[in-house]
């Protein structure tokens, strides 16, 4: 995960060994909100499974991307996003 003060954010997901040969990189622009919610301490270097991935319109323009993981959830509100399959992670 990489972020900067310009409002850009990059999330990288390693491939699921049973489904994908390469990982997924999601680049967000114009980030207005970013949060990670979890019930207990999460070791981010370990594999978590993506259970739900949903993109919804954001009030005032842009979108909200919600990613539900096994032990946590990620929410990003942004102007736009780009997802690319490649050597992520």
PDB file of N, CA and C in Angstrom:
ATOM      1  N   UNK A   1       0.851  -1.160   0.000  1.00  0.00           N
ATOM      2  CA  UNK A   1       0.000   0.000   0.000  1.00  0.00           C
ATOM      3  C   UNK A   1       0.900   1.226   0.000  1.00  0.00           C
ATOM      4  N   UNK A   2       0.601   2.163  -0.901  1.00  0.00           N
ATOM      5  CA  UNK A   2       1.372   3.405  -0.962  1.00  0.00           C
ATOM      6  C   UNK A   2       0.415   4.575  -1.117  1.00  0.00           C
ATOM      7  N   UNK A   3       0.687   5.662  -0.425  1.00  0.00           N
ATOM      8  CA  UNK A   3      -0.138   6.854  -0.531  1.00  0.00           C
ATOM      9  C   UNK A   3       0.757   8.081  -0.446  1.00  0.00           C
ATOM     10  N   UNK A   4       0.234   9.204  -0.905  1.00  0.00           N
ATOM     11  CA  UNK A   4       0.988  10.447  -0.806  1.00  0.00           C
ATOM     12  C   UNK A   4       0.016  11.606  -0.604  1.00  0.00           C
ATOM     13  N   UNK A   5       0.544  12.819  -0.399  1.00  0.00           N
ATOM     14  CA  UNK A   5      -0.295  13.975  -0.107  1.00  0.00           C
ATOM     15  C   UNK A   5      -1.027  14.519  -1.336  1.00  0.00           C
ATOM     16  N   UNK A   6      -0.766  13.969  -2.502  1.00  0.00           N
ATOM     17  CA  UNK A   6      -1.418  14.441  -3.716  1.00  0.00           C
ATOM     18  C   UNK A   6      -2.829  13.878  -3.876  1.00  0.00           C
ATOM     19  N   UNK A   7      -3.251  13.006  -2.979  1.00  0.00           N
ATOM     20  CA  UNK A   7      -4.573  12.395  -3.101  1.00  0.00           C
ATOM     21  C   UNK A   7      -4.562  11.106  -3.890  1.00  0.00           C
ATOM     22  N   UNK A   8      -3.369  10.567  -4.154  1.00  0.00           N
ATOM     23  CA  UNK A   8      -3.252   9.293  -4.857  1.00  0.00           C
ATOM     24  C   UNK A   8      -3.011   8.173  -3.853  1.00  0.00           C
ATOM     25  N   UNK A   9      -3.528   7.000  -4.171  1.00  0.00           N
ATOM     26  CA  UNK A   9      -3.372   5.827  -3.322  1.00  0.00           C
ATOM     27  C   UNK A   9      -3.251   4.608  -4.213  1.00  0.00           C
ATOM     28  N   UNK A  10      -2.371   3.687  -3.858  1.00  0.00           N
ATOM     29  CA  UNK A  10      -2.209   2.441  -4.611  1.00  0.00           C
ATOM     30  C   UNK A  10      -2.332   1.275  -3.645  1.00  0.00           C
ATOM     31  N   UNK A  11      -3.225   0.336  -3.962  1.00  0.00           N
ATOM     32  CA  UNK A  11      -3.352  -0.916  -3.211  1.00  0.00           C
ATOM     33  C   UNK A  11      -2.922  -2.045  -4.126  1.00  0.00           C
ATOM     34  N   UNK A  12      -2.136  -2.971  -3.604  1.00  0.00           N
ATOM     35  CA  UNK A  12      -1.692  -4.119  -4.378  1.00  0.00           C
ATOM     36  C   UNK A  12      -2.132  -5.402  -3.688  1.00  0.00           C
ATOM     37  N   UNK A  13      -2.710  -6.292  -4.467  1.00  0.00           N
ATOM     38  CA  UNK A  13      -3.181  -7.584  -3.970  1.00  0.00           C
ATOM     39  C   UNK A  13      -2.408  -8.692  -4.673  1.00  0.00           C
ATOM     40  N   UNK A  14      -1.863  -9.601  -3.889  1.00  0.00           N
ATOM     41  CA  UNK A  14      -1.153 -10.755  -4.447  1.00  0.00           C
ATOM     42  C   UNK A  14      -2.174 -11.683  -5.098  1.00  0.00           C
ATOM     43  N   UNK A  15      -1.746 -12.476  -6.060  1.00  0.00           N
ATOM     44  CA  UNK A  15      -2.689 -13.385  -6.727  1.00  0.00           C
ATOM     45  C   UNK A  15      -3.162 -14.506  -5.809  1.00  0.00           C
ATOM     46  N   UNK A  16      -4.390 -14.944  -6.038  1.00  0.00           N
ATOM     47  CA  UNK A  16      -4.922 -16.140  -5.388  1.00  0.00           C
ATOM     48  C   UNK A  16      -4.341 -17.321  -6.154  1.00  0.00           C
ATOM     49  N   UNK A  17      -3.600 -18.171  -5.488  1.00  0.00           N
ATOM     50  CA  UNK A  17      -2.888 -19.248  -6.178  1.00  0.00           C
ATOM     51  C   UNK A  17      -3.790 -20.214  -6.933  1.00  0.00           C
ATOM     52  N   UNK A  18      -5.079 -20.261  -6.588  1.00  0.00           N
ATOM     53  CA  UNK A  18      -5.996 -21.178  -7.261  1.00  0.00           C
ATOM     54  C   UNK A  18      -6.778 -20.493  -8.379  1.00  0.00           C
ATOM     55  N   UNK A  19      -6.688 -19.175  -8.486  1.00  0.00           N
ATOM     56  CA  UNK A  19      -7.495 -18.456  -9.475  1.00  0.00           C
ATOM     57  C   UNK A  19      -6.703 -17.597 -10.445  1.00  0.00           C
ATOM     58  N   UNK A  20      -5.593 -16.996  -9.980  1.00  0.00           N
ATOM     59  CA  UNK A  20      -4.903 -16.001 -10.785  1.00  0.00           C
ATOM     60  C   UNK A  20      -3.408 -16.263 -10.844  1.00  0.00           C
ATOM     61  N   UNK A  21      -2.826 -15.948 -12.003  1.00  0.00           N
ATOM     62  CA  UNK A  21      -1.385 -16.076 -12.160  1.00  0.00           C
ATOM     63  C   UNK A  21      -0.652 -14.813 -11.720  1.00  0.00           C
ATOM     64  N   UNK A  22      -1.357 -13.676 -11.737  1.00  0.00           N
ATOM     65  CA  UNK A  22      -0.746 -12.396 -11.385  1.00  0.00           C
ATOM     66  C   UNK A  22      -1.628 -11.661 -10.378  1.00  0.00           C
ATOM     67  N   UNK A  23      -1.052 -10.677  -9.703  1.00  0.00           N
ATOM     68  CA  UNK A  23      -1.779  -9.901  -8.715  1.00  0.00           C
ATOM     69  C   UNK A  23      -2.540  -8.741  -9.336  1.00  0.00           C
ATOM     70  N   UNK A  24      -3.215  -7.982  -8.490  1.00  0.00           N
ATOM     71  CA  UNK A  24      -4.032  -6.849  -8.915  1.00  0.00           C
ATOM     72  C   UNK A  24      -3.525  -5.578  -8.260  1.00  0.00           C
ATOM     73  N   UNK A  25      -3.329  -4.534  -9.056  1.00  0.00           N
ATOM     74  CA  UNK A  25      -2.926  -3.218  -8.557  1.00  0.00           C
ATOM     75  C   UNK A  25      -4.080  -2.255  -8.838  1.00  0.00           C
ATOM     76  N   UNK A  26      -4.568  -1.586  -7.772  1.00  0.00           N
ATOM     77  CA  UNK A  26      -5.633  -0.604  -7.920  1.00  0.00           C
ATOM     78  C   UNK A  26      -5.051   0.763  -7.574  1.00  0.00           C
ATOM     79  N   UNK A  27      -5.114   1.687  -8.527  1.00  0.00           N
ATOM     80  CA  UNK A  27      -4.618   3.049  -8.346  1.00  0.00           C
ATOM     81  C   UNK A  27      -5.818   3.981  -8.226  1.00  0.00           C
ATOM     82  N   UNK A  28      -5.865   4.750  -7.140  1.00  0.00           N
ATOM     83  CA  UNK A  28      -6.960   5.687  -6.888  1.00  0.00           C
ATOM     84  C   UNK A  28      -6.443   7.109  -7.066  1.00  0.00           C
ATOM     85  N   UNK A  29      -7.265   7.981  -7.643  1.00  0.00           N
ATOM     86  CA  UNK A  29      -6.911   9.394  -7.757  1.00  0.00           C
ATOM     87  C   UNK A  29      -7.992  10.229  -7.081  1.00  0.00           C
ATOM     88  N   UNK A  30      -7.592  11.387  -6.576  1.00  0.00           N
ATOM     89  CA  UNK A  30      -8.538  12.267  -5.898  1.00  0.00           C
ATOM     90  C   UNK A  30      -9.158  11.639  -4.665  1.00  0.00           C
ATOM     91  N   UNK A  31      -8.340  10.967  -3.849  1.00  0.00           N
ATOM     92  CA  UNK A  31      -8.846  10.280  -2.657  1.00  0.00           C
ATOM     93  C   UNK A  31      -9.352  11.302  -1.639  1.00  0.00           C
ATOM     94  N   UNK A  32     -10.617  11.123  -1.229  1.00  0.00           N
ATOM     95  CA  UNK A  32     -11.244  12.000  -0.243  1.00  0.00           C
ATOM     96  C   UNK A  32     -11.313  11.337   1.126  1.00  0.00           C
ATOM     97  N   UNK A  33     -11.303  10.018   1.144  1.00  0.00           N
ATOM     98  CA  UNK A  33     -11.402   9.257   2.397  1.00  0.00           C
ATOM     99  C   UNK A  33     -10.779   7.891   2.173  1.00  0.00           C
ATOM    100  N   UNK A  34     -10.031   7.433   3.187  1.00  0.00           N
ATOM    101  CA  UNK A  34      -9.440   6.104   3.160  1.00  0.00           C
ATOM    102  C   UNK A  34      -9.478   5.554   4.569  1.00  0.00           C
ATOM    103  N   UNK A  35     -10.021   4.351   4.741  1.00  0.00           N
ATOM    104  CA  UNK A  35     -10.052   3.755   6.075  1.00  0.00           C
ATOM    105  C   UNK A  35      -9.881   2.247   6.002  1.00  0.00           C
ATOM    106  N   UNK A  36      -9.302   1.725   7.065  1.00  0.00           N
ATOM    107  CA  UNK A  36      -9.195   0.279   7.264  1.00  0.00           C
ATOM    108  C   UNK A  36      -9.817   0.002   8.618  1.00  0.00           C
ATOM    109  N   UNK A  37     -10.840  -0.817   8.635  1.00  0.00           N
ATOM    110  CA  UNK A  37     -11.520  -1.174   9.872  1.00  0.00           C
ATOM    111  C   UNK A  37     -11.303  -2.655  10.148  1.00  0.00           C
ATOM    112  N   UNK A  38     -10.965  -2.968  11.401  1.00  0.00           N
ATOM    113  CA  UNK A  38     -10.747  -4.360  11.756  1.00  0.00           C
ATOM    114  C   UNK A  38     -11.154  -4.589  13.205  1.00  0.00           C
ATOM    115  N   UNK A  39     -11.538  -5.825  13.491  1.00  0.00           N
ATOM    116  CA  UNK A  39     -12.029  -6.180  14.823  1.00  0.00           C
ATOM    117  C   UNK A  39     -10.882  -6.416  15.808  1.00  0.00           C
ATOM    118  N   UNK A  40      -9.725  -6.796  15.304  1.00  0.00           N
ATOM    119  CA  UNK A  40      -8.562  -7.075  16.150  1.00  0.00           C
ATOM    120  C   UNK A  40      -7.305  -6.766  15.351  1.00  0.00           C
ATOM    121  N   UNK A  41      -6.166  -6.886  15.958  1.00  0.00           N
ATOM    122  CA  UNK A  41      -4.904  -6.602  15.276  1.00  0.00           C
ATOM    123  C   UNK A  41      -4.766  -7.485  14.038  1.00  0.00           C
ATOM    124  N   UNK A  42      -4.381  -6.876  12.946  1.00  0.00           N
ATOM    125  CA  UNK A  42      -4.240  -7.586  11.684  1.00  0.00           C
ATOM    126  C   UNK A  42      -2.778  -7.544  11.250  1.00  0.00           C
ATOM    127  N   UNK A  43      -2.231  -8.673  10.867  1.00  0.00           N
ATOM    128  CA  UNK A  43      -0.881  -8.745  10.324  1.00  0.00           C
ATOM    129  C   UNK A  43      -1.010  -8.605   8.808  1.00  0.00           C
ATOM    130  N   UNK A  44      -0.736  -7.386   8.293  1.00  0.00           N
ATOM    131  CA  UNK A  44      -0.968  -7.090   6.877  1.00  0.00           C
ATOM    132  C   UNK A  44      -0.037  -7.832   5.946  1.00  0.00           C
ATOM    133  N   UNK A  45       1.026  -8.408   6.446  1.00  0.00           N
ATOM    134  CA  UNK A  45       1.920  -9.151   5.589  1.00  0.00           C
ATOM    135  C   UNK A  45       1.383 -10.561   5.308  1.00  0.00           C
ATOM    136  N   UNK A  46       0.430 -11.005   6.098  1.00  0.00           N
ATOM    137  CA  UNK A  46      -0.168 -12.320   5.872  1.00  0.00           C
ATOM    138  C   UNK A  46      -1.328 -12.198   4.893  1.00  0.00           C
ATOM    139  N   UNK A  47      -1.682 -13.301   4.284  1.00  0.00           N
ATOM    140  CA  UNK A  47      -2.738 -13.306   3.281  1.00  0.00           C
ATOM    141  C   UNK A  47      -4.106 -13.201   3.941  1.00  0.00           C
ATOM    142  N   UNK A  48      -4.916 -12.263   3.470  1.00  0.00           N
ATOM    143  CA  UNK A  48      -6.324 -12.175   3.821  1.00  0.00           C
ATOM    144  C   UNK A  48      -7.107 -12.430   2.546  1.00  0.00           C
ATOM    145  N   UNK A  49      -8.262 -13.024   2.669  1.00  0.00           N
ATOM    146  CA  UNK A  49      -9.088 -13.323   1.513  1.00  0.00           C
ATOM    147  C   UNK A  49     -10.068 -12.194   1.265  1.00  0.00           C
ATOM    148  N   UNK A  50     -10.214 -11.796   0.011  1.00  0.00           N
ATOM    149  CA  UNK A  50     -11.216 -10.798  -0.369  1.00  0.00           C
ATOM    150  C   UNK A  50     -12.561 -11.505  -0.450  1.00  0.00           C
ATOM    151  N   UNK A  51     -13.514 -11.045   0.366  1.00  0.00           N
ATOM    152  CA  UNK A  51     -14.841 -11.647   0.383  1.00  0.00           C
ATOM    153  C   UNK A  51     -15.840 -10.874  -0.481  1.00  0.00           C
ATOM    154  N   UNK A  52     -15.657  -9.553  -0.555  1.00  0.00           N
ATOM    155  CA  UNK A  52     -16.580  -8.697  -1.298  1.00  0.00           C
ATOM    156  C   UNK A  52     -15.802  -7.517  -1.842  1.00  0.00           C
ATOM    157  N   UNK A  53     -16.122  -7.126  -3.065  1.00  0.00           N
ATOM    158  CA  UNK A  53     -15.472  -6.002  -3.722  1.00  0.00           C
ATOM    159  C   UNK A  53     -16.571  -5.250  -4.459  1.00  0.00           C
ATOM    160  N   UNK A  54     -16.879  -4.020  -4.008  1.00  0.00           N
ATOM    161  CA  UNK A  54     -18.017  -3.297  -4.575  1.00  0.00           C
ATOM    162  C   UNK A  54     -17.658  -1.833  -4.802  1.00  0.00           C
ATOM    163  N   UNK A  55     -18.025  -1.318  -5.979  1.00  0.00           N
ATOM    164  CA  UNK A  55     -17.827   0.090  -6.313  1.00  0.00           C
ATOM    165  C   UNK A  55     -19.199   0.728  -6.446  1.00  0.00           C
ATOM    166  N   UNK A  56     -19.408   1.823  -5.693  1.00  0.00           N
ATOM    167  CA  UNK A  56     -20.694   2.519  -5.681  1.00  0.00           C
ATOM    168  C   UNK A  56     -20.484   3.991  -5.991  1.00  0.00           C
ATOM    169  N   UNK A  57     -21.503   4.670  -6.558  1.00  0.00           N
ATOM    170  CA  UNK A  57     -21.382   6.116  -6.776  1.00  0.00           C
ATOM    171  C   UNK A  57     -21.214   6.843  -5.452  1.00  0.00           C
ATOM    172  N   UNK A  58     -20.430   7.925  -5.464  1.00  0.00           N
ATOM    173  CA  UNK A  58     -20.180   8.736  -4.274  1.00  0.00           C
ATOM    174  C   UNK A  58     -20.945  10.043  -4.420  1.00  0.00           C
ATOM    175  N   UNK A  59     -21.643  10.431  -3.367  1.00  0.00           N
ATOM    176  CA  UNK A  59     -22.409  11.668  -3.397  1.00  0.00           C
ATOM    177  C   UNK A  59     -21.491  12.841  -3.741  1.00  0.00           C
ATOM    178  N   UNK A  60     -21.844  13.616  -4.740  1.00  0.00           N
ATOM    179  CA  UNK A  60     -21.032  14.744  -5.165  1.00  0.00           C
ATOM    180  C   UNK A  60     -20.040  14.388  -6.264  1.00  0.00           C
ATOM    181  N   UNK A  61     -20.064  13.162  -6.754  1.00  0.00           N
ATOM    182  CA  UNK A  61     -19.169  12.733  -7.825  1.00  0.00           C
ATOM    183  C   UNK A  61     -18.141  11.740  -7.351  1.00  0.00           C
ATOM    184  N   UNK A  62     -17.632  10.971  -8.271  1.00  0.00           N
ATOM    185  CA  UNK A  62     -16.639   9.960  -7.941  1.00  0.00           C
ATOM    186  C   UNK A  62     -17.292   8.662  -7.496  1.00  0.00           C
ATOM    187  N   UNK A  63     -16.563   7.889  -6.693  1.00  0.00           N
ATOM    188  CA  UNK A  63     -17.066   6.584  -6.282  1.00  0.00           C
ATOM    189  C   UNK A  63     -16.530   6.200  -4.909  1.00  0.00           C
ATOM    190  N   UNK A  64     -17.171   5.213  -4.323  1.00  0.00           N
ATOM    191  CA  UNK A  64     -16.720   4.590  -3.086  1.00  0.00           C
ATOM    192  C   UNK A  64     -16.394   3.138  -3.408  1.00  0.00           C
ATOM    193  N   UNK A  65     -15.197   2.701  -3.068  1.00  0.00           N
ATOM    194  CA  UNK A  65     -14.781   1.320  -3.280  1.00  0.00           C
ATOM    195  C   UNK A  65     -14.687   0.646  -1.922  1.00  0.00           C
ATOM    196  N   UNK A  66     -15.496  -0.379  -1.731  1.00  0.00           N
ATOM    197  CA  UNK A  66     -15.505  -1.125  -0.477  1.00  0.00           C
ATOM    198  C   UNK A  66     -14.956  -2.522  -0.729  1.00  0.00           C
ATOM    199  N   UNK A  67     -13.975  -2.910   0.081  1.00  0.00           N
ATOM    200  CA  UNK A  67     -13.365  -4.231  -0.032  1.00  0.00           C
ATOM    201  C   UNK A  67     -13.476  -4.901   1.330  1.00  0.00           C
ATOM    202  N   UNK A  68     -14.242  -5.983   1.394  1.00  0.00           N
ATOM    203  CA  UNK A  68     -14.370  -6.738   2.638  1.00  0.00           C
ATOM    204  C   UNK A  68     -13.378  -7.895   2.600  1.00  0.00           C
ATOM    205  N   UNK A  69     -12.496  -7.928   3.604  1.00  0.00           N
ATOM    206  CA  UNK A  69     -11.514  -8.994   3.736  1.00  0.00           C
ATOM    207  C   UNK A  69     -11.940  -9.943   4.848  1.00  0.00           C
ATOM    208  N   UNK A  70     -11.243 -11.037   4.992  1.00  0.00           N
ATOM    209  CA  UNK A  70     -11.553 -12.011   6.024  1.00  0.00           C
ATOM    210  C   UNK A  70     -11.611 -11.376   7.409  1.00  0.00           C
ATOM    211  N   UNK A  71     -10.627 -10.541   7.743  1.00  0.00           N
ATOM    212  CA  UNK A  71     -10.529  -9.962   9.082  1.00  0.00           C
ATOM    213  C   UNK A  71     -10.652  -8.444   9.130  1.00  0.00           C
ATOM    214  N   UNK A  72     -10.968  -7.807   7.999  1.00  0.00           N
ATOM    215  CA  UNK A  72     -10.990  -6.347   7.965  1.00  0.00           C
ATOM    216  C   UNK A  72     -11.794  -5.859   6.765  1.00  0.00           C
ATOM    217  N   UNK A  73     -11.984  -4.549   6.701  1.00  0.00           N
ATOM    218  CA  UNK A  73     -12.604  -3.957   5.524  1.00  0.00           C
ATOM    219  C   UNK A  73     -11.861  -2.672   5.173  1.00  0.00           C
ATOM    220  N   UNK A  74     -11.770  -2.409   3.869  1.00  0.00           N
ATOM    221  CA  UNK A  74     -11.096  -1.219   3.349  1.00  0.00           C
ATOM    222  C   UNK A  74     -12.145  -0.397   2.617  1.00  0.00           C
ATOM    223  N   UNK A  75     -12.155   0.920   2.863  1.00  0.00           N
ATOM    224  CA  UNK A  75     -13.060   1.821   2.162  1.00  0.00           C
ATOM    225  C   UNK A  75     -12.246   2.977   1.589  1.00  0.00           C
ATOM    226  N   UNK A  76     -12.448   3.249   0.299  1.00  0.00           N
ATOM    227  CA  UNK A  76     -11.784   4.360  -0.364  1.00  0.00           C
ATOM    228  C   UNK A  76     -12.840   5.168  -1.109  1.00  0.00           C
ATOM    229  N   UNK A  77     -12.934   6.466  -0.821  1.00  0.00           N
ATOM    230  CA  UNK A  77     -13.787   7.386  -1.568  1.00  0.00           C
ATOM    231  C   UNK A  77     -12.855   8.216  -2.437  1.00  0.00           C
ATOM    232  N   UNK A  78     -13.095   8.224  -3.747  1.00  0.00           N
ATOM    233  CA  UNK A  78     -12.156   8.874  -4.653  1.00  0.00           C
ATOM    234  C   UNK A  78     -12.867   9.416  -5.887  1.00  0.00           C
ATOM    235  N   UNK A  79     -12.121  10.188  -6.680  1.00  0.00           N
ATOM    236  CA  UNK A  79     -12.654  10.694  -7.935  1.00  0.00           C
ATOM    237  C   UNK A  79     -12.672   9.606  -8.999  1.00  0.00           C
ATOM    238  N   UNK A  80     -11.627   8.766  -9.029  1.00  0.00           N
ATOM    239  CA  UNK A  80     -11.549   7.724 -10.039  1.00  0.00           C
ATOM    240  C   UNK A  80     -10.592   6.632  -9.585  1.00  0.00           C
ATOM    241  N   UNK A  81     -10.679   5.480 -10.235  1.00  0.00           N
ATOM    242  CA  UNK A  81      -9.757   4.388  -9.945  1.00  0.00           C
ATOM    243  C   UNK A  81      -9.440   3.632 -11.216  1.00  0.00           C
ATOM    244  N   UNK A  82      -8.296   2.965 -11.188  1.00  0.00           N
ATOM    245  CA  UNK A  82      -7.860   2.152 -12.310  1.00  0.00           C
ATOM    246  C   UNK A  82      -7.318   0.847 -11.750  1.00  0.00           C
ATOM    247  N   UNK A  83      -7.828  -0.265 -12.249  1.00  0.00           N
ATOM    248  CA  UNK A  83      -7.393  -1.584 -11.795  1.00  0.00           C
ATOM    249  C   UNK A  83      -6.635  -2.272 -12.924  1.00  0.00           C
ATOM    250  N   UNK A  84      -5.441  -2.802 -12.606  1.00  0.00           N
ATOM    251  CA  UNK A  84      -4.603  -3.446 -13.602  1.00  0.00           C
ATOM    252  C   UNK A  84      -4.101  -4.780 -13.049  1.00  0.00           C
ATOM    253  N   UNK A  85      -4.340  -5.850 -13.816  1.00  0.00           N
ATOM    254  CA  UNK A  85      -3.778  -7.150 -13.441  1.00  0.00           C
ATOM    255  C   UNK A  85      -2.329  -7.176 -13.901  1.00  0.00           C
ATOM    256  N   UNK A  86      -1.448  -7.573 -13.001  1.00  0.00           N
ATOM    257  CA  UNK A  86      -0.021  -7.617 -13.330  1.00  0.00           C
ATOM    258  C   UNK A  86       0.743  -8.170 -12.158  1.00  0.00           C
ATOM    259  N   UNK A  87       2.014  -7.861 -12.093  1.00  0.00           N
ATOM    260  CA  UNK A  87       2.849  -8.361 -11.014  1.00  0.00           C
ATOM    261  C   UNK A  87       2.735  -7.476  -9.791  1.00  0.00           C
ATOM    262  N   UNK A  88       1.579  -7.537  -9.129  1.00  0.00           N
ATOM    263  CA  UNK A  88       1.359  -6.779  -7.901  1.00  0.00           C
ATOM    264  C   UNK A  88       1.860  -7.588  -6.730  1.00  0.00           C
ATOM    265  N   UNK A  89       2.396  -6.892  -5.732  1.00  0.00           N
ATOM    266  CA  UNK A  89       2.844  -7.560  -4.512  1.00  0.00           C
ATOM    267  C   UNK A  89       4.115  -8.218  -4.771  1.00  0.00           C
TER     268      UNK A  89
END
